[in-house]
């Protein structure tokens, strides 16, 4: 009974557009000016074959309080080649997994980034890699924080067909999560996007895949100049 009431409350909070897209699968239904990602462009991210070039990266959205899912992405340039999901892992266990993946994929620690909010700070401390702080200030003062800056950058890259995904295992999930990241900029205010809590209320869970992909833009906005060793077990 409690679960049913929660579901009814969630439906009441959804816009007609979200009901059409999430419940009916009607992706052509449009009624909002707050779209950050075009569905066709999101679909075109997924390819089977593409030339791999550029540096390699790893992005991680770790389990937080009340969430037992950790999502890790392996990148070759701007191509997301492999996605891993782990459940019920402590920070030290996730750090061990990431260290092994970094070694296997020849990824420098300077090219590894972890969402450091919550339990993620423990992983950063163990690996000594880059930390991503969602609410940290963006160097570009037109944006409310770094997370918003990265999501707007990602929307630009997706629109221009610069980001690709060859691992199709979570395609529907990724599209659904990114579709719910909306432009929340108010008139004469800094640019902002939907909060994690707002998206979680609609999905029923955290947008871990979307955030993992979004963090890749940190490296586009902050190019690497340091030389770090390849992570070792």
Protein backbone atom coordinates (compact mmCIF):
# COMPACT_ATOMS: atom_id res chain seq x y z
CA UNK A 1 0.00 0.00 0.00
CA UNK A 2 2.81 2.41 0.91
CA UNK A 3 4.65 1.65 -2.34
CA UNK A 4 1.49 2.27 -4.35
CA UNK A 5 0.98 5.66 -2.71
CA UNK A 6 4.58 6.58 -3.50
CA UNK A 7 4.06 5.60 -7.15
CA UNK A 8 0.86 7.66 -7.34
CA UNK A 9 2.69 10.65 -5.87
CA UNK A 10 5.47 10.27 -8.43
CA UNK A 11 2.93 10.23 -11.28
CA UNK A 12 1.32 13.40 -9.98
CA UNK A 13 4.71 15.15 -10.03
CA UNK A 14 5.43 14.13 -13.64
CA UNK A 15 4.67 16.47 -16.50
CA UNK A 16 2.49 15.15 -19.33
CA UNK A 17 5.61 14.99 -21.48
CA UNK A 18 7.47 12.80 -18.99
CA UNK A 19 4.50 10.46 -18.68
CA UNK A 20 4.39 10.06 -22.45
CA UNK A 21 8.12 9.44 -22.75
CA UNK A 22 8.81 7.33 -19.65
CA UNK A 23 5.58 5.37 -19.36
CA UNK A 24 4.33 5.17 -22.96
CA UNK A 25 7.70 5.21 -24.74
CA UNK A 26 6.52 8.09 -26.93
CA UNK A 27 9.83 9.86 -27.53
CA UNK A 28 8.34 12.12 -30.18
CA UNK A 29 6.07 13.79 -27.64
CA UNK A 30 7.34 17.32 -27.03
CA UNK A 31 5.78 20.02 -24.86
CA UNK A 32 8.63 21.59 -22.90
CA UNK A 33 11.21 24.29 -23.67
CA UNK A 34 13.65 22.92 -21.09
CA UNK A 35 15.15 20.09 -23.16
CA UNK A 36 18.91 19.78 -22.84
CA UNK A 37 19.30 16.68 -25.02
CA UNK A 38 17.60 15.82 -28.30
CA UNK A 39 16.44 12.20 -28.39
CA UNK A 40 17.65 11.59 -31.94
CA UNK A 41 21.10 12.88 -31.04
CA UNK A 42 21.15 10.64 -27.96
CA UNK A 43 20.28 7.62 -30.07
CA UNK A 44 23.03 8.47 -32.58
CA UNK A 45 25.66 8.27 -29.83
CA UNK A 46 25.40 4.49 -29.95
CA UNK A 47 27.55 3.01 -32.70
CA UNK A 48 29.04 -0.41 -33.41
CA UNK A 49 32.30 0.52 -35.09
CA UNK A 50 34.32 3.69 -34.81
CA UNK A 51 38.00 4.59 -34.92
CA UNK A 52 39.51 4.79 -31.45
CA UNK A 53 42.01 7.57 -30.92
CA UNK A 54 43.20 9.95 -28.25
CA UNK A 55 43.93 9.43 -24.57
CA UNK A 56 42.13 6.96 -22.36
CA UNK A 57 40.01 7.92 -19.38
CA UNK A 58 37.97 6.41 -16.57
CA UNK A 59 34.93 8.01 -14.94
CA UNK A 60 33.17 6.67 -11.87
CA UNK A 61 29.91 7.46 -10.11
CA UNK A 62 30.23 5.45 -6.89
CA UNK A 63 27.54 4.21 -4.55
CA UNK A 64 26.38 6.89 -2.14
CA UNK A 65 24.44 6.74 1.09
CA UNK A 66 21.28 4.74 0.43
CA UNK A 67 22.47 3.68 -3.03
CA UNK A 68 24.31 0.40 -3.57
CA UNK A 69 25.22 0.83 -7.26
CA UNK A 70 28.62 1.93 -8.59
CA UNK A 71 28.98 2.72 -12.30
CA UNK A 72 32.37 2.93 -14.03
CA UNK A 73 33.08 3.94 -17.63
CA UNK A 74 36.19 3.29 -19.74
CA UNK A 75 36.82 5.87 -22.46
CA UNK A 76 39.09 5.96 -25.50
CA UNK A 77 39.07 9.63 -26.40
CA UNK A 78 35.38 10.56 -26.56
CA UNK A 79 34.24 6.98 -27.13
CA UNK A 80 32.75 5.18 -24.14
CA UNK A 81 33.90 1.64 -24.88
CA UNK A 82 32.96 -0.24 -21.71
CA UNK A 83 30.53 0.25 -18.85
CA UNK A 84 30.74 -1.65 -15.56
CA UNK A 85 28.15 -1.79 -12.79
CA UNK A 86 28.87 -3.13 -9.33
CA UNK A 87 26.64 -3.54 -6.30
CA UNK A 88 27.33 -3.71 -2.57
CA UNK A 89 30.96 -2.56 -2.82
CA UNK A 90 32.87 -0.63 -0.17
CA UNK A 91 35.19 2.27 -1.22
CA UNK A 92 38.33 0.14 -0.86
CA UNK A 93 36.79 -2.59 -3.05
CA UNK A 94 35.83 -0.06 -5.74
CA UNK A 95 39.33 1.43 -5.59
CA UNK A 96 40.84 -2.02 -6.15
CA UNK A 97 38.56 -2.62 -9.14
CA UNK A 98 39.42 0.76 -10.64
CA UNK A 99 43.14 0.25 -10.12
CA UNK A 100 42.94 -3.06 -11.96
CA UNK A 101 40.88 -1.57 -14.81
CA UNK A 102 43.30 1.33 -15.10
CA UNK A 103 46.23 -1.06 -15.41
CA UNK A 104 44.48 -3.28 -17.95
CA UNK A 105 43.50 -0.28 -20.08
CA UNK A 106 46.72 1.74 -19.62
CA UNK A 107 44.88 4.68 -18.09
CA UNK A 108 46.93 7.30 -16.24
CA UNK A 109 45.74 8.29 -12.77
CA UNK A 110 45.50 11.86 -13.99
CA UNK A 111 42.81 10.65 -16.40
CA UNK A 112 40.73 8.94 -13.70
CA UNK A 113 37.93 10.90 -12.04
CA UNK A 114 35.49 9.95 -9.28
CA UNK A 115 32.40 11.71 -7.96
CA UNK A 116 33.81 12.67 -4.58
CA UNK A 117 30.52 13.61 -2.95
CA UNK A 118 29.66 11.18 -0.16
CA UNK A 119 31.57 7.87 -0.06
CA UNK A 120 33.45 8.67 -3.27
CA UNK A 121 35.94 10.78 -1.34
CA UNK A 122 37.30 7.55 0.14
CA UNK A 123 38.02 6.16 -3.33
CA UNK A 124 39.78 9.38 -4.33
CA UNK A 125 41.91 9.19 -1.19
CA UNK A 126 43.00 5.64 -1.94
CA UNK A 127 43.72 6.10 -5.66
CA UNK A 128 45.00 9.69 -5.51
CA UNK A 129 43.06 10.39 -8.69
CA UNK A 130 40.96 13.37 -9.74
CA UNK A 131 37.89 14.27 -7.70
CA UNK A 132 34.64 15.63 -9.10
CA UNK A 133 32.67 17.91 -6.79
CA UNK A 134 29.22 18.52 -8.25
CA UNK A 135 28.61 21.76 -6.39
CA UNK A 136 32.07 23.25 -6.86
CA UNK A 137 32.32 26.62 -8.57
CA UNK A 138 32.71 26.71 -12.33
CA UNK A 139 35.49 28.93 -13.72
CA UNK A 140 32.85 30.16 -16.15
CA UNK A 141 30.63 32.33 -13.97
CA UNK A 142 27.68 31.88 -16.33
CA UNK A 143 27.10 28.47 -14.70
CA UNK A 144 25.81 27.74 -11.21
CA UNK A 145 28.39 25.00 -10.57
CA UNK A 146 30.74 22.52 -12.25
CA UNK A 147 28.06 19.86 -12.72
CA UNK A 148 25.90 22.28 -14.72
CA UNK A 149 28.91 23.37 -16.78
CA UNK A 150 29.74 19.75 -17.63
CA UNK A 151 26.15 18.83 -18.53
CA UNK A 152 25.78 21.81 -20.85
CA UNK A 153 29.11 20.89 -22.44
CA UNK A 154 27.92 17.30 -22.84
CA UNK A 155 24.69 18.46 -24.49
CA UNK A 156 26.79 20.48 -26.94
CA UNK A 157 29.00 17.49 -27.73
CA UNK A 158 26.03 15.14 -28.12
CA UNK A 159 24.30 17.62 -30.43
CA UNK A 160 27.46 17.90 -32.56
CA UNK A 161 27.98 14.10 -32.62
CA UNK A 162 31.28 14.23 -30.78
CA UNK A 163 30.50 11.60 -28.11
CA UNK A 164 30.00 7.93 -28.94
CA UNK A 165 29.15 4.77 -27.01
CA UNK A 166 30.06 1.30 -28.29
CA UNK A 167 28.82 -0.58 -25.21
CA UNK A 168 25.07 -0.89 -25.85
CA UNK A 169 24.19 -2.90 -22.75
CA UNK A 170 22.54 0.04 -20.97
CA UNK A 171 21.39 2.04 -23.99
CA UNK A 172 17.77 2.51 -22.94
CA UNK A 173 18.78 3.36 -19.39
CA UNK A 174 21.32 5.96 -20.51
CA UNK A 175 18.89 7.65 -22.88
CA UNK A 176 16.16 7.73 -20.23
CA UNK A 177 18.48 9.27 -17.63
CA UNK A 178 19.98 11.91 -19.94
CA UNK A 179 16.53 12.83 -21.22
CA UNK A 180 15.53 13.82 -17.68
CA UNK A 181 18.46 16.20 -17.27
CA UNK A 182 16.76 19.51 -18.04
CA UNK A 183 17.73 23.14 -18.34
CA UNK A 184 16.77 24.67 -14.99
CA UNK A 185 18.15 28.13 -15.70
CA UNK A 186 15.96 30.92 -14.38
CA UNK A 187 15.66 34.28 -16.06
CA UNK A 188 18.77 36.40 -15.50
CA UNK A 189 20.35 33.60 -13.41
CA UNK A 190 23.34 31.34 -13.90
CA UNK A 191 22.79 28.24 -16.01
CA UNK A 192 21.61 25.23 -14.01
CA UNK A 193 20.35 21.69 -14.59
CA UNK A 194 17.96 19.28 -12.86
CA UNK A 195 19.19 18.16 -9.47
CA UNK A 196 19.91 14.49 -8.77
CA UNK A 197 17.01 14.44 -6.31
CA UNK A 198 14.60 15.80 -8.93
CA UNK A 199 15.57 13.09 -11.42
CA UNK A 200 15.51 10.42 -8.72
CA UNK A 201 11.93 11.34 -7.85
CA UNK A 202 10.90 10.64 -11.46
CA UNK A 203 12.99 7.52 -12.04
CA UNK A 204 12.84 6.03 -8.60
CA UNK A 205 16.64 5.75 -8.49
CA UNK A 206 19.75 7.87 -8.99
CA UNK A 207 20.90 8.80 -12.55
CA UNK A 208 24.28 7.09 -12.12
CA UNK A 209 24.89 6.38 -15.81
CA UNK A 210 24.14 9.95 -16.85
CA UNK A 211 26.46 11.38 -14.20
CA UNK A 212 29.24 8.94 -15.11
CA UNK A 213 29.06 10.13 -18.73
CA UNK A 214 28.78 13.78 -17.74
CA UNK A 215 32.06 13.64 -15.79
CA UNK A 216 34.00 12.91 -19.00
CA UNK A 217 33.44 16.59 -19.88
CA UNK A 218 35.60 17.61 -16.94
CA UNK A 219 38.64 16.67 -18.99
CA UNK A 220 37.40 18.64 -22.00
CA UNK A 221 37.01 21.72 -19.81
CA UNK A 222 40.22 21.05 -17.85
CA UNK A 223 42.83 19.54 -20.23
CA UNK A 224 45.50 17.36 -18.63
CA UNK A 225 48.99 18.75 -18.43
CA UNK A 226 50.49 16.72 -15.57
CA UNK A 227 52.30 13.44 -16.09
CA UNK A 228 51.14 10.65 -13.78
CA UNK A 229 52.12 7.03 -13.70
CA UNK A 230 49.79 4.33 -14.95
CA UNK A 231 47.82 2.93 -12.00
CA UNK A 232 49.22 -0.37 -10.72
CA UNK A 233 47.71 -3.10 -8.58
